[in-house]
C-alpha atoms as a PDB file:
ATOM      1  CA  MET A   1     -16.105 -14.377  12.714  1.00  0.00           C
ATOM      2  CA  ILE A   2     -16.665 -11.720  10.146  1.00  0.00           C
ATOM      3  CA  HIS A   3     -13.777 -10.775   7.666  1.00  0.00           C
ATOM      4  CA  PHE A   4     -13.352  -7.720   5.959  1.00  0.00           C
ATOM      5  CA  PRO A   5     -11.675  -7.252   2.632  1.00  0.00           C
ATOM      6  CA  THR A   6      -8.229  -5.852   2.991  1.00  0.00           C
ATOM      7  CA  ILE A   7      -4.846  -6.395   1.741  1.00  0.00           C
ATOM      8  CA  HIS A   8      -2.468  -6.895   4.579  1.00  0.00           C
ATOM      9  CA  GLN A   9       1.048  -8.498   5.179  1.00  0.00           C
ATOM     10  CA  SER A  10       1.401 -12.034   6.694  1.00  0.00           C
ATOM     11  CA  PRO A  11       1.815 -11.713  10.476  1.00  0.00           C
ATOM     12  CA  LEU A  12       4.685 -14.127  10.477  1.00  0.00           C
ATOM     13  CA  ARG A  13       6.572 -12.203   7.862  1.00  0.00           C
ATOM     14  CA  ALA A  14       6.135  -8.671   9.536  1.00  0.00           C
ATOM     15  CA  LEU A  15       7.428 -10.240  12.838  1.00  0.00           C
ATOM     16  CA  ALA A  16      10.393 -11.797  10.970  1.00  0.00           C
ATOM     17  CA  LEU A  17      11.075  -8.581   9.250  1.00  0.00           C
ATOM     18  CA  ARG A  18      11.264  -6.966  12.769  1.00  0.00           C
ATOM     19  CA  LEU A  19      13.167  -9.480  14.147  1.00  0.00           C
ATOM     20  CA  LEU A  20      15.749  -9.257  11.265  1.00  0.00           C
ATOM     21  CA  ALA A  21      15.985  -5.536  11.671  1.00  0.00           C
ATOM     22  CA  ALA A  22      16.689  -5.917  15.462  1.00  0.00           C
ATOM     23  CA  VAL A  23      19.297  -8.437  14.972  1.00  0.00           C
ATOM     24  CA  ALA A  24      21.004  -6.415  12.245  1.00  0.00           C
ATOM     25  CA  LEU A  25      20.970  -3.186  14.228  1.00  0.00           C
ATOM     26  CA  VAL A  26      22.397  -5.076  17.348  1.00  0.00           C
ATOM     27  CA  LEU A  27      25.149  -6.586  14.891  1.00  0.00           C
ATOM     28  CA  LEU A  28      25.946  -3.208  13.565  1.00  0.00           C
ATOM     29  CA  ILE A  29      26.633  -1.776  16.926  1.00  0.00           C
ATOM     30  CA  VAL A  30      28.735  -4.432  17.860  1.00  0.00           C
ATOM     31  CA  MET A  31      30.661  -4.028  14.786  1.00  0.00           C
ATOM     32  CA  ILE A  32      31.217  -0.062  15.423  1.00  0.00           C
ATOM     33  CA  VAL A  33      31.927  -0.714  19.056  1.00  0.00           C
ATOM     34  CA  TYR A  34      34.468  -3.381  17.979  1.00  0.00           C
ATOM     35  CA  ILE A  35      36.342  -1.358  15.643  1.00  0.00           C
ATOM     36  CA  ASP A  36      36.643   1.449  18.373  1.00  0.00           C
ATOM     37  CA  ARG A  37      36.974  -1.087  21.204  1.00  0.00           C
ATOM     38  CA  ASP A  38      40.235   0.839  22.377  1.00  0.00           C
ATOM     39  CA  GLY A  39      38.261   3.710  23.203  1.00  0.00           C
ATOM     40  CA  TYR A  40      36.063   2.145  25.952  1.00  0.00           C
ATOM     41  CA  ARG A  41      36.879   1.031  29.384  1.00  0.00           C
ATOM     42  CA  ASP A  42      35.815  -2.179  31.315  1.00  0.00           C
ATOM     43  CA  VAL A  43      35.854  -2.276  35.021  1.00  0.00           C
ATOM     44  CA  THR A  44      38.256  -5.288  35.074  1.00  0.00           C
ATOM     45  CA  GLU A  45      40.661  -3.127  33.142  1.00  0.00           C
ATOM     46  CA  ASP A  46      40.891  -5.695  30.387  1.00  0.00           C
ATOM     47  CA  PRO A  47      40.619  -5.030  26.674  1.00  0.00           C
ATOM     48  CA  LEU A  48      37.440  -5.464  25.191  1.00  0.00           C
ATOM     49  CA  SER A  49      36.685  -8.795  23.361  1.00  0.00           C
ATOM     50  CA  LEU A  50      34.121  -9.489  20.806  1.00  0.00           C
ATOM     51  CA  LEU A  51      31.848 -10.959  23.281  1.00  0.00           C
ATOM     52  CA  ASP A  52      32.601  -7.714  25.300  1.00  0.00           C
ATOM     53  CA  CYS A  53      31.429  -5.508  22.707  1.00  0.00           C
ATOM     54  CA  ALA A  54      28.268  -7.692  22.033  1.00  0.00           C
ATOM     55  CA  TYR A  55      27.436  -7.420  25.583  1.00  0.00           C
ATOM     56  CA  TYR A  56      27.851  -3.758  25.746  1.00  0.00           C
ATOM     57  CA  ALA A  57      25.775  -3.286  22.465  1.00  0.00           C
ATOM     58  CA  VAL A  58      22.760  -5.499  23.838  1.00  0.00           C
ATOM     59  CA  VAL A  59      22.752  -3.708  27.330  1.00  0.00           C
ATOM     60  CA  THR A  60      22.908  -0.252  25.718  1.00  0.00           C
ATOM     61  CA  LEU A  61      20.346  -0.793  22.990  1.00  0.00           C
ATOM     62  CA  SER A  62      17.931  -2.227  25.622  1.00  0.00           C
ATOM     63  CA  THR A  63      18.500   0.875  27.780  1.00  0.00           C
ATOM     64  CA  THR A  64      19.636  -1.467  30.566  1.00  0.00           C
ATOM     65  CA  GLY A  65      22.945   0.177  30.881  1.00  0.00           C
ATOM     66  CA  TYR A  66      24.860  -1.413  33.821  1.00  0.00           C
ATOM     67  CA  GLY A  67      27.755   0.940  33.443  1.00  0.00           C
ATOM     68  CA  ASP A  68      30.710  -1.687  33.804  1.00  0.00           C
ATOM     69  CA  ILE A  69      31.579  -0.728  30.089  1.00  0.00           C
ATOM     70  CA  THR A  70      31.863   3.032  29.287  1.00  0.00           C
ATOM     71  CA  PRO A  71      33.146   5.062  26.276  1.00  0.00           C
ATOM     72  CA  LEU A  72      36.203   6.836  27.238  1.00  0.00           C
ATOM     73  CA  SER A  73      37.913   8.378  24.253  1.00  0.00           C
ATOM     74  CA  GLU A  74      36.132  11.313  22.444  1.00  0.00           C
ATOM     75  CA  THR A  75      35.633   9.166  19.301  1.00  0.00           C
ATOM     76  CA  ALA A  76      33.779   6.373  21.322  1.00  0.00           C
ATOM     77  CA  ARG A  77      31.751   9.129  22.896  1.00  0.00           C
ATOM     78  CA  LEU A  78      31.050  10.890  19.697  1.00  0.00           C
ATOM     79  CA  VAL A  79      29.808   7.487  18.399  1.00  0.00           C
ATOM     80  CA  ASN A  80      27.477   6.868  21.365  1.00  0.00           C
ATOM     81  CA  VAL A  81      25.929  10.294  20.684  1.00  0.00           C
ATOM     82  CA  PHE A  82      25.516  10.173  16.916  1.00  0.00           C
ATOM     83  CA  VAL A  83      25.170   6.218  16.107  1.00  0.00           C
ATOM     84  CA  VAL A  84      24.362   4.431  19.529  1.00  0.00           C
ATOM     85  CA  THR A  85      21.550   6.803  20.967  1.00  0.00           C
ATOM     86  CA  PRO A  86      19.445   7.076  17.494  1.00  0.00           C
ATOM     87  CA  ALA A  87      20.240   2.920  17.120  1.00  0.00           C
ATOM     88  CA  ARG A  88      18.703   2.839  20.773  1.00  0.00           C
ATOM     89  CA  VAL A  89      15.692   4.715  19.815  1.00  0.00           C
ATOM     90  CA  LEU A  90      15.236   2.770  16.669  1.00  0.00           C
ATOM     91  CA  PHE A  91      15.743  -0.425  18.588  1.00  0.00           C
ATOM     92  CA  LEU A  92      12.828   0.518  20.803  1.00  0.00           C
ATOM     93  CA  ILE A  93      10.663   1.439  18.041  1.00  0.00           C
ATOM     94  CA  ILE A  94      11.105  -1.890  16.322  1.00  0.00           C
ATOM     95  CA  LEU A  95       9.976  -3.840  19.491  1.00  0.00           C
ATOM     96  CA  VAL A  96       7.347  -1.553  20.612  1.00  0.00           C
ATOM     97  CA  GLY A  97       6.198  -1.145  16.893  1.00  0.00           C
ATOM     98  CA  THR A  98       5.019  -4.928  16.580  1.00  0.00           C
ATOM     99  CA  THR A  99       2.912  -4.355  19.915  1.00  0.00           C
ATOM    100  CA  LEU A 100       1.541  -1.019  18.678  1.00  0.00           C
ATOM    101  CA  GLU A 101       0.542  -2.413  15.081  1.00  0.00           C
ATOM    102  CA  VAL A 102      -1.210  -5.330  16.740  1.00  0.00           C
ATOM    103  CA  LEU A 103      -3.202  -2.940  18.980  1.00  0.00           C
ATOM    104  CA  THR A 104      -3.905  -0.677  16.050  1.00  0.00           C
ATOM    105  CA  GLU A 105      -4.929  -3.442  13.706  1.00  0.00           C
ATOM    106  CA  GLN A 106      -7.457  -4.703  16.593  1.00  0.00           C
ATOM    107  CA  TYR A 107      -8.806  -1.239  17.113  1.00  0.00           C
ATOM    108  CA  ARG A 108      -9.262  -0.731  13.310  1.00  0.00           C
ATOM    109  CA  THR A 109     -10.740  -3.896  12.856  1.00  0.00           C
ATOM    110  CA  ASN A 110     -13.368  -3.235  15.740  1.00  0.00           C
ATOM    111  CA  LEU A 111     -13.976   0.052  14.372  1.00  0.00           C
ATOM    112  CA  ARG A 112     -14.847  -1.254  10.986  1.00  0.00           C
ATOM    113  CA  LEU A 113     -16.953  -3.868  12.551  1.00  0.00           C
ATOM    114  CA  THR A 114     -18.808  -1.443  14.499  1.00  0.00           C
ATOM    115  CA  ARG A 115     -19.233   0.870  11.337  1.00  0.00           C
ATOM    116  CA  TRP A 116     -20.303  -1.940   9.365  1.00  0.00           C
ATOM    117  CA  ARG A 117     -23.036  -2.978  11.691  1.00  0.00           C
ATOM    118  CA  LYS A 118     -24.418   0.373  11.862  1.00  0.00           C
ATOM    119  CA  ARG A 119     -24.691   0.737   8.183  1.00  0.00           C
ATOM    120  CA  VAL A 120     -25.649  -2.559   6.847  1.00  0.00           C
ATOM    121  CA  LYS A 121     -29.024  -2.659   5.557  1.00  0.00           C
ATOM    122  CA  ASP A 122     -30.832  -3.809   2.301  1.00  0.00           C
ATOM    123  CA  HIS A 123     -27.615  -6.117   1.493  1.00  0.00           C
ATOM    124  CA  VAL A 124     -27.748  -9.397   0.031  1.00  0.00           C
ATOM    125  CA  ILE A 125     -26.391 -12.346   1.592  1.00  0.00           C
ATOM    126  CA  VAL A 126     -24.938 -15.257  -0.356  1.00  0.00           C
ATOM    127  CA  CYS A 127     -24.742 -18.561   1.626  1.00  0.00           C
ATOM    128  CA  GLY A 128     -22.122 -20.526   0.053  1.00  0.00           C
ATOM    129  CA  TYR A 129     -19.199 -19.372  -2.287  1.00  0.00           C
ATOM    130  CA  GLY A 130     -18.908 -22.252  -4.575  1.00  0.00           C
ATOM    131  CA  THR A 131     -19.426 -22.195  -8.363  1.00  0.00           C
ATOM    132  CA  LYS A 132     -22.996 -20.989  -7.876  1.00  0.00           C
ATOM    133  CA  GLY A 133     -22.216 -18.494  -5.358  1.00  0.00           C
ATOM    134  CA  ARG A 134     -19.247 -16.791  -7.195  1.00  0.00           C
ATOM    135  CA  SER A 135     -21.756 -16.827 -10.300  1.00  0.00           C
ATOM    136  CA  ALA A 136     -24.315 -15.066  -8.238  1.00  0.00           C
ATOM    137  CA  VAL A 137     -21.997 -12.407  -7.197  1.00  0.00           C
ATOM    138  CA  ASN A 138     -20.567 -11.652 -10.354  1.00  0.00           C
ATOM    139  CA  VAL A 139     -24.352 -11.200 -11.744  1.00  0.00           C
ATOM    140  CA  LEU A 140     -24.958  -8.857  -8.883  1.00  0.00           C
ATOM    141  CA  LEU A 141     -21.863  -6.985  -9.531  1.00  0.00           C
ATOM    142  CA  GLU A 142     -22.269  -6.638 -13.311  1.00  0.00           C
ATOM    143  CA  ASP A 143     -25.679  -5.216 -12.597  1.00  0.00           C
ATOM    144  CA  GLY A 144     -24.164  -2.468 -10.528  1.00  0.00           C
ATOM    145  CA  PHE A 145     -24.976  -3.790  -7.203  1.00  0.00           C
ATOM    146  CA  ASP A 146     -22.733  -2.262  -4.578  1.00  0.00           C
ATOM    147  CA  LYS A 147     -19.855  -4.596  -3.428  1.00  0.00           C
ATOM    148  CA  ARG A 148     -19.861  -3.351   0.086  1.00  0.00           C
ATOM    149  CA  LYS A 149     -23.668  -4.508   0.146  1.00  0.00           C
ATOM    150  CA  ILE A 150     -22.724  -8.314  -0.516  1.00  0.00           C
ATOM    151  CA  VAL A 151     -22.058 -10.496   2.525  1.00  0.00           C
ATOM    152  CA  VAL A 152     -20.748 -13.802   1.915  1.00  0.00           C
ATOM    153  CA  VAL A 153     -21.466 -16.734   4.452  1.00  0.00           C
ATOM    154  CA  GLU A 154     -19.162 -19.821   4.288  1.00  0.00           C
ATOM    155  CA  ARG A 155     -17.484 -22.092   6.489  1.00  0.00           C
ATOM    156  CA  ASP A 156     -14.701 -23.315   3.983  1.00  0.00           C
ATOM    157  CA  GLN A 157     -11.820 -21.173   4.793  1.00  0.00           C
ATOM    158  CA  ALA A 158     -10.331 -21.391   1.258  1.00  0.00           C
ATOM    159  CA  ALA A 159     -13.744 -20.181  -0.496  1.00  0.00           C
ATOM    160  CA  LEU A 160     -13.786 -17.670   2.428  1.00  0.00           C
ATOM    161  CA  ARG A 161     -10.405 -16.100   1.696  1.00  0.00           C
ATOM    162  CA  SER A 162     -11.448 -15.885  -2.025  1.00  0.00           C
ATOM    163  CA  ALA A 163     -14.431 -14.069  -1.144  1.00  0.00           C
ATOM    164  CA  VAL A 164     -12.640 -11.757   0.957  1.00  0.00           C
ATOM    165  CA  ALA A 165      -9.940 -11.230  -1.681  1.00  0.00           C
ATOM    166  CA  ALA A 166     -12.540 -10.145  -4.159  1.00  0.00           C
ATOM    167  CA  GLY A 167     -13.552  -7.375  -1.952  1.00  0.00           C
ATOM    168  CA  LEU A 168     -16.575  -8.996  -0.037  1.00  0.00           C
ATOM    169  CA  VAL A 169     -17.318  -9.139   3.526  1.00  0.00           C
ATOM    170  CA  GLY A 170     -17.173 -12.616   4.750  1.00  0.00           C
ATOM    171  CA  ILE A 171     -18.522 -14.059   7.716  1.00  0.00           C
ATOM    172  CA  GLU A 172     -16.978 -17.700   8.489  1.00  0.00           C
ATOM    173  CA  GLY A 173     -19.556 -20.154   9.966  1.00  0.00           C
ATOM    174  CA  SER A 174     -22.400 -22.473   8.856  1.00  0.00           C
ATOM    175  CA  ALA A 175     -25.593 -20.526   7.226  1.00  0.00           C
ATOM    176  CA  THR A 176     -27.572 -23.263   8.918  1.00  0.00           C
ATOM    177  CA  ARG A 177     -26.911 -21.873  12.501  1.00  0.00           C
ATOM    178  CA  SER A 178     -29.141 -18.697  13.520  1.00  0.00           C
ATOM    179  CA  SER A 179     -26.232 -17.046  15.247  1.00  0.00           C
ATOM    180  CA  THR A 180     -24.341 -17.001  11.986  1.00  0.00           C
ATOM    181  CA  LEU A 181     -27.300 -15.523  10.042  1.00  0.00           C
ATOM    182  CA  LEU A 182     -27.870 -13.057  12.706  1.00  0.00           C
ATOM    183  CA  GLU A 183     -24.225 -11.990  12.504  1.00  0.00           C
ATOM    184  CA  ALA A 184     -24.875 -11.252   9.030  1.00  0.00           C
ATOM    185  CA  HIS A 185     -27.917  -9.161  10.099  1.00  0.00           C
ATOM    186  CA  VAL A 186     -30.377 -11.367   7.956  1.00  0.00           C
ATOM    187  CA  LYS A 187     -33.383  -9.483   9.366  1.00  0.00           C
ATOM    188  CA  GLU A 188     -32.183  -6.236   7.749  1.00  0.00           C
ATOM    189  CA  ALA A 189     -31.199  -7.752   4.373  1.00  0.00           C
ATOM    190  CA  LYS A 190     -32.868  -7.449   1.273  1.00  0.00           C
ATOM    191  CA  ALA A 191     -32.508 -10.977  -0.001  1.00  0.00           C
ATOM    192  CA  VAL A 192     -30.534 -14.166   0.888  1.00  0.00           C
ATOM    193  CA  ILE A 193     -29.232 -16.450  -1.818  1.00  0.00           C
ATOM    194  CA  ILE A 194     -28.687 -19.836  -0.874  1.00  0.00           C
ATOM    195  CA  ALA A 195     -26.166 -21.635  -2.999  1.00  0.00           C
ATOM    196  CA  THR A 196     -25.015 -24.756  -0.676  1.00  0.00           C
ATOM    197  CA  HIS A 197     -23.450 -27.910  -1.859  1.00  0.00           C
ATOM    198  CA  SER A 198     -26.467 -29.930  -0.881  1.00  0.00           C
ATOM    199  CA  ASP A 199     -30.283 -29.709  -1.095  1.00  0.00           C
ATOM    200  CA  ASP A 200     -30.905 -30.858   2.337  1.00  0.00           C
ATOM    201  CA  ALA A 201     -28.622 -28.013   3.706  1.00  0.00           C
ATOM    202  CA  ALA A 202     -30.325 -25.568   1.390  1.00  0.00           C
ATOM    203  CA  VAL A 203     -33.561 -26.689   2.927  1.00  0.00           C
ATOM    204  CA  LEU A 204     -32.259 -26.214   6.473  1.00  0.00           C
ATOM    205  CA  VAL A 205     -30.971 -22.691   5.552  1.00  0.00           C
ATOM    206  CA  THR A 206     -34.105 -21.824   4.026  1.00  0.00           C
ATOM    207  CA  LEU A 207     -36.292 -22.516   7.067  1.00  0.00           C
ATOM    208  CA  THR A 208     -33.666 -20.939   9.374  1.00  0.00           C
ATOM    209  CA  VAL A 209     -33.929 -17.785   7.355  1.00  0.00           C
ATOM    210  CA  ARG A 210     -37.715 -17.750   7.218  1.00  0.00           C
ATOM    211  CA  GLN A 211     -37.796 -18.379  11.096  1.00  0.00           C
ATOM    212  CA  LEU A 212     -35.682 -15.384  11.700  1.00  0.00           C
ATOM    213  CA  THR A 213     -37.256 -12.874   9.072  1.00  0.00           C
ATOM    214  CA  ALA A 214     -40.603 -14.117   9.316  1.00  0.00           C
ATOM    215  CA  GLY A 215     -40.768 -14.398   5.748  1.00  0.00           C
ATOM    216  CA  LYS A 216     -40.116 -10.721   4.932  1.00  0.00           C
ATOM    217  CA  VAL A 217     -36.640 -11.341   3.240  1.00  0.00           C
ATOM    218  CA  ARG A 218     -36.809 -12.663  -0.083  1.00  0.00           C
ATOM    219  CA  ILE A 219     -35.020 -16.150  -0.398  1.00  0.00           C
ATOM    220  CA  ILE A 220     -33.515 -17.637  -3.687  1.00  0.00           C
ATOM    221  CA  ALA A 221     -32.333 -21.036  -3.414  1.00  0.00           C
ATOM    222  CA  ALA A 222     -30.552 -23.410  -5.772  1.00  0.00           C
ATOM    223  CA  ALA A 223     -31.561 -26.860  -5.580  1.00  0.00           C
ATOM    224  CA  ARG A 224     -29.625 -29.872  -7.365  1.00  0.00           C
ATOM    225  CA  GLU A 225     -32.599 -32.404  -7.959  1.00  0.00           C
ATOM    226  CA  ALA A 226     -35.952 -31.028  -9.282  1.00  0.00           C
ATOM    227  CA  GLU A 227     -37.736 -33.248  -6.754  1.00  0.00           C
ATOM    228  CA  ASN A 228     -36.541 -31.243  -3.873  1.00  0.00           C
ATOM    229  CA  ALA A 229     -37.879 -27.806  -5.364  1.00  0.00           C
ATOM    230  CA  PRO A 230     -41.316 -27.921  -3.894  1.00  0.00           C
ATOM    231  CA  LEU A 231     -39.620 -28.958  -0.419  1.00  0.00           C
ATOM    232  CA  LEU A 232     -37.759 -25.660  -0.858  1.00  0.00           C
ATOM    233  CA  ARG A 233     -40.587 -23.764  -1.584  1.00  0.00           C
ATOM    234  CA  GLN A 234     -42.588 -25.035   1.265  1.00  0.00           C
ATOM    235  CA  SER A 235     -39.774 -24.329   3.422  1.00  0.00           C
ATOM    236  CA  GLY A 236     -39.985 -20.608   2.430  1.00  0.00           C
ATOM    237  CA  ALA A 237     -37.994 -20.059  -0.734  1.00  0.00           C
ATOM    238  CA  HIS A 238     -39.531 -17.557  -3.104  1.00  0.00           C
ATOM    239  CA  HIS A 239     -37.502 -18.639  -6.157  1.00  0.00           C
ATOM    240  CA  VAL A 240     -36.046 -22.092  -6.486  1.00  0.00           C
ATOM    241  CA  ILE A 241     -33.422 -22.666  -9.285  1.00  0.00           C
ATOM    242  CA  VAL A 242     -32.879 -26.167 -10.162  1.00  0.00           C
ATOM    243  CA  SER A 243     -29.497 -26.575 -11.591  1.00  0.00           C
ATOM    244  CA  ALA A 244     -29.490 -30.349 -12.520  1.00  0.00           C
ATOM    245  CA  SER A 245     -32.927 -29.963 -14.701  1.00  0.00           C
ATOM    246  CA  THR A 246     -31.777 -26.579 -16.163  1.00  0.00           C
ATOM    247  CA  ALA A 247     -28.419 -28.194 -17.191  1.00  0.00           C
ATOM    248  CA  GLY A 248     -30.266 -31.085 -18.698  1.00  0.00           C
ATOM    249  CA  ARG A 249     -32.619 -28.899 -20.755  1.00  0.00           C
ATOM    250  CA  LEU A 250     -29.569 -26.931 -22.085  1.00  0.00           C
ATOM    251  CA  LEU A 251     -28.022 -30.206 -23.145  1.00  0.00           C
ATOM    252  CA  GLY A 252     -31.365 -31.258 -24.895  1.00  0.00           C
ATOM    253  CA  LEU A 253     -31.376 -28.229 -26.749  1.00  0.00           C
ATOM    254  CA  SER A 254     -27.805 -28.441 -27.848  1.00  0.00           C
ATOM    255  CA  THR A 255     -28.639 -31.525 -29.214  1.00  0.00           C
ATOM    256  CA  SER A 256     -32.145 -31.014 -30.904  1.00  0.00           C
ATOM    257  CA  ALA A 257     -31.496 -27.065 -31.703  1.00  0.00           C
ATOM    258  CA  PRO A 258     -27.679 -26.203 -31.442  1.00  0.00           C
ATOM    259  CA  PRO A 259     -28.452 -22.576 -32.453  1.00  0.00           C
ATOM    260  CA  LEU A 260     -30.766 -22.016 -29.613  1.00  0.00           C
ATOM    261  CA  ILE A 261     -28.013 -23.268 -27.127  1.00  0.00           C
ATOM    262  CA  GLU A 262     -26.052 -20.321 -28.384  1.00  0.00           C
ATOM    263  CA  VAL A 263     -28.728 -17.970 -28.016  1.00  0.00           C
ATOM    264  CA  VAL A 264     -29.131 -18.915 -24.386  1.00  0.00           C
ATOM    265  CA  GLU A 265     -25.488 -18.894 -23.753  1.00  0.00           C
ATOM    266  CA  ASP A 266     -25.470 -15.249 -25.084  1.00  0.00           C
ATOM    267  CA  LEU A 267     -28.309 -14.246 -22.705  1.00  0.00           C
ATOM    268  CA  LEU A 268     -26.579 -15.556 -19.733  1.00  0.00           C
ATOM    269  CA  THR A 269     -23.102 -14.633 -20.581  1.00  0.00           C
ATOM    270  CA  PRO A 270     -22.407 -10.884 -19.790  1.00  0.00           C
ATOM    271  CA  GLY A 271     -20.638  -8.738 -22.391  1.00  0.00           C
ATOM    272  CA  GLN A 272     -21.292 -11.096 -25.214  1.00  0.00           C
ATOM    273  CA  GLY A 273     -24.018  -9.372 -27.127  1.00  0.00           C
ATOM    274  CA  MET A 274     -27.407  -9.780 -25.640  1.00  0.00           C
ATOM    275  CA  ALA A 275     -28.611  -9.857 -21.937  1.00  0.00           C
ATOM    276  CA  LEU A 276     -31.858 -10.256 -20.079  1.00  0.00           C
ATOM    277  CA  ALA A 277     -32.625  -7.066 -18.180  1.00  0.00           C
ATOM    278  CA  MET A 278     -35.642  -5.223 -16.347  1.00  0.00           C
ATOM    279  CA  ARG A 279     -36.769  -1.816 -15.609  1.00  0.00           C
ATOM    280  CA  SER A 280     -39.443   0.298 -14.363  1.00  0.00           C
ATOM    281  CA  ALA A 281     -42.021   1.408 -17.269  1.00  0.00           C
ATOM    282  CA  GLU A 282     -41.656   4.918 -18.051  1.00  0.00           C
ATOM    283  CA  ARG A 283     -44.679   7.302 -17.832  1.00  0.00           C
ATOM    284  CA  HIS A 284     -45.004   7.715 -21.480  1.00  0.00           C
ATOM    285  CA  GLU A 285     -44.972   3.973 -22.061  1.00  0.00           C
ATOM    286  CA  VAL A 286     -48.059   3.651 -19.905  1.00  0.00           C
ATOM    287  CA  GLY A 287     -51.106   2.588 -22.129  1.00  0.00           C
ATOM    288  CA  ARG A 288     -49.024   1.139 -24.649  1.00  0.00           C
ATOM    289  CA  SER A 289     -48.529  -2.235 -26.324  1.00  0.00           C
ATOM    290  CA  PRO A 290     -45.266  -3.898 -25.260  1.00  0.00           C
ATOM    291  CA  ARG A 291     -44.619  -4.694 -28.623  1.00  0.00           C
ATOM    292  CA  ASP A 292     -44.568  -1.067 -29.765  1.00  0.00           C
ATOM    293  CA  LEU A 293     -41.803  -0.263 -27.551  1.00  0.00           C
ATOM    294  CA  ASP A 294     -38.422   0.382 -29.089  1.00  0.00           C
ATOM    295  CA  SER A 295     -36.866  -2.423 -26.767  1.00  0.00           C
ATOM    296  CA  LEU A 296     -37.375  -6.314 -27.232  1.00  0.00           C
ATOM    297  CA  VAL A 297     -39.888  -6.723 -24.565  1.00  0.00           C
ATOM    298  CA  ILE A 298     -40.596 -10.483 -23.517  1.00  0.00           C
ATOM    299  CA  ALA A 299     -42.512 -10.066 -20.567  1.00  0.00           C
ATOM    300  CA  LEU A 300     -44.062  -7.472 -18.028  1.00  0.00           C
ATOM    301  CA  VAL A 301     -43.798  -7.922 -14.190  1.00  0.00           C
ATOM    302  CA  ARG A 302     -47.310  -6.840 -12.630  1.00  0.00           C
ATOM    303  CA  ARG A 303     -47.702  -6.811  -8.813  1.00  0.00           C
ATOM    304  CA  GLY A 304     -45.124  -9.440  -8.417  1.00  0.00           C
ATOM    305  CA  LYS A 305     -46.372 -11.771 -11.197  1.00  0.00           C
ATOM    306  CA  VAL A 306     -45.012 -12.374 -14.717  1.00  0.00           C
ATOM    307  CA  VAL A 307     -47.110 -11.546 -17.530  1.00  0.00           C
ATOM    308  CA  PRO A 308     -46.053 -12.976 -20.661  1.00  0.00           C
ATOM    309  CA  ILE A 309     -46.701 -10.623 -23.841  1.00  0.00           C
ATOM    310  CA  ALA A 310     -47.826 -13.639 -25.799  1.00  0.00           C
ATOM    311  CA  GLU A 311     -51.287 -13.395 -24.589  1.00  0.00           C
ATOM    312  CA  PRO A 312     -53.656 -11.286 -24.441  1.00  0.00           C
ATOM    313  CA  ARG A 313     -53.192  -9.465 -27.835  1.00  0.00           C
ATOM    314  CA  ASP A 314     -54.444  -6.054 -26.264  1.00  0.00           C
ATOM    315  CA  LEU A 315     -52.132  -6.255 -23.234  1.00  0.00           C
ATOM    316  CA  THR A 316     -50.943  -2.846 -22.404  1.00  0.00           C
ATOM    317  CA  ILE A 317     -48.509  -1.455 -20.112  1.00  0.00           C
ATOM    318  CA  GLU A 318     -49.819   0.030 -16.746  1.00  0.00           C
ATOM    319  CA  THR A 319     -48.358   2.236 -13.852  1.00  0.00           C
ATOM    320  CA  GLY A 320     -45.921   0.479 -11.778  1.00  0.00           C
ATOM    321  CA  ASP A 321     -45.213  -2.388 -14.271  1.00  0.00           C
ATOM    322  CA  MET A 322     -41.805  -3.663 -14.648  1.00  0.00           C
ATOM    323  CA  VAL A 323     -40.518  -4.368 -18.079  1.00  0.00           C
ATOM    324  CA  VAL A 324     -38.420  -7.488 -19.111  1.00  0.00           C
ATOM    325  CA  TYR A 325     -36.420  -6.720 -22.098  1.00  0.00           C
ATOM    326  CA  VAL A 326     -33.245  -8.000 -24.065  1.00  0.00           C
ATOM    327  CA  ARG A 327     -30.630  -5.267 -24.214  1.00  0.00           C
ATOM    328  CA  ASP A 328     -27.402  -4.942 -26.285  1.00  0.00           C
ATOM    329  CA  ASP A 329     -24.678  -5.925 -23.923  1.00  0.00           C
ATOM    330  CA  ARG A 330     -21.650  -5.611 -25.964  1.00  0.00           C
ATOM    331  CA  PRO A 331     -18.854  -3.264 -24.715  1.00  0.00           C
ATOM    332  CA  THR A 332     -18.780   0.157 -26.166  1.00  0.00           C
ATOM    333  CA  PRO A 333     -15.755   0.602 -28.536  1.00  0.00           C
ATOM    334  CA  ALA A 334     -14.340   3.254 -25.823  1.00  0.00           C
ATOM    335  CA  ALA A 335     -14.448   0.406 -23.121  1.00  0.00           C
ATOM    336  CA  ALA A 336     -12.969  -2.091 -25.524  1.00  0.00           C
ATOM    337  CA  THR A 337     -10.140   0.233 -26.327  1.00  0.00           C
ATOM    338  CA  SER A 338      -9.413   0.845 -22.766  1.00  0.00           C
ATOM    339  CA  HIS A 339      -9.115  -3.018 -21.878  1.00  0.00           C
END
C-alpha cells in the first residue's frame, strides 16, 4: 500500500462532525416547529405534541413528506419557505457530502498514484525508517535532494506514519518481498539504501534488489557487525557501512585522542562548521594539483575509484574527476537571523 504525504482530518472525526451537524439541524427545526405548533394541522385534528414536531421535522428534512402534518398559518408557511426548505437542502448536503468526500478522496488518491507512477524515476528507496533510515534521509535533504524523489519502504506503521508526516512517499510492506520493491519502482531507482534492523534482513533485501535490477541500481547497506559486511558485498551491495565497528572506532578516538572525535562529529553534523562535500572538477582545475585549489581537497574520485591525494605527489586533476573536499557548513548570518 502506497501512502502519500498529506494532511487530512481523521475519518471518524469528520463523520462525527457531520452527524452532530445533522442532529443539531433536526433539533433546530423541531424547536422552530414546536414554538409555532398552533400554525400546523394534523389529520387527527389533535394539537401537535413535541413528538409530533420531531416527526414532522424528520420526515420533512428527509424529503419523505407524508402530508399528515401540514403548515396552515401564514407564519408556519413562511417558516417552511425560508427556514425549513433551506434546512432540508443543507441536511441533504451533509448526508450526501460524506459520500462525495469519500469518493473524491479515492479519486484524488488514485490520480496521485497514477501520476506518481508515471513520473517516479531516478529516486532513492530507503528500506527501513528507523534511526539509520531517518539519518540517511536527513542527509539527502540537507544535500538538496528532492523530497519527492525519496521513497520509504517500511512495514512498521508507526515509522511509516512518521515518514509520511515528514512529507515522504511511504510504501507499507516488507522490503524483502519482490512485490513491495516493484511497487516502489526499484528498477527505475537511482539507489537503494538498506537500513533494516537486522543483518540477515539486509542480506535478503540486497539479494532481492540485485535480482530485480540485475545489479544496475546502486545498493548501499548498513550492517551491525563487521563479519557480515563481506556477505553483503557478495550479495550485491556496492557500499557497506558497519555501524558497530564505526561506533567502536569513534569510542576509541574519544578515549585516545578526544579532539579528533570533535572533528569527526563536526564533519558528520550538518550546520556545525565543517562538512564533507563532493563536486565535479571544473575546467580551469584540470591539470592542477589538488593541493593548489582553494578548497581543502582530501581525495579524488576517478572512474568510480577513490584516489587519495597523499600519494603520488605529482597527482593532477583530470577531466571527469570528482573532487572530495571539506566545505564551510556554518549558517550564513542572514539564515541565522531568519531563524
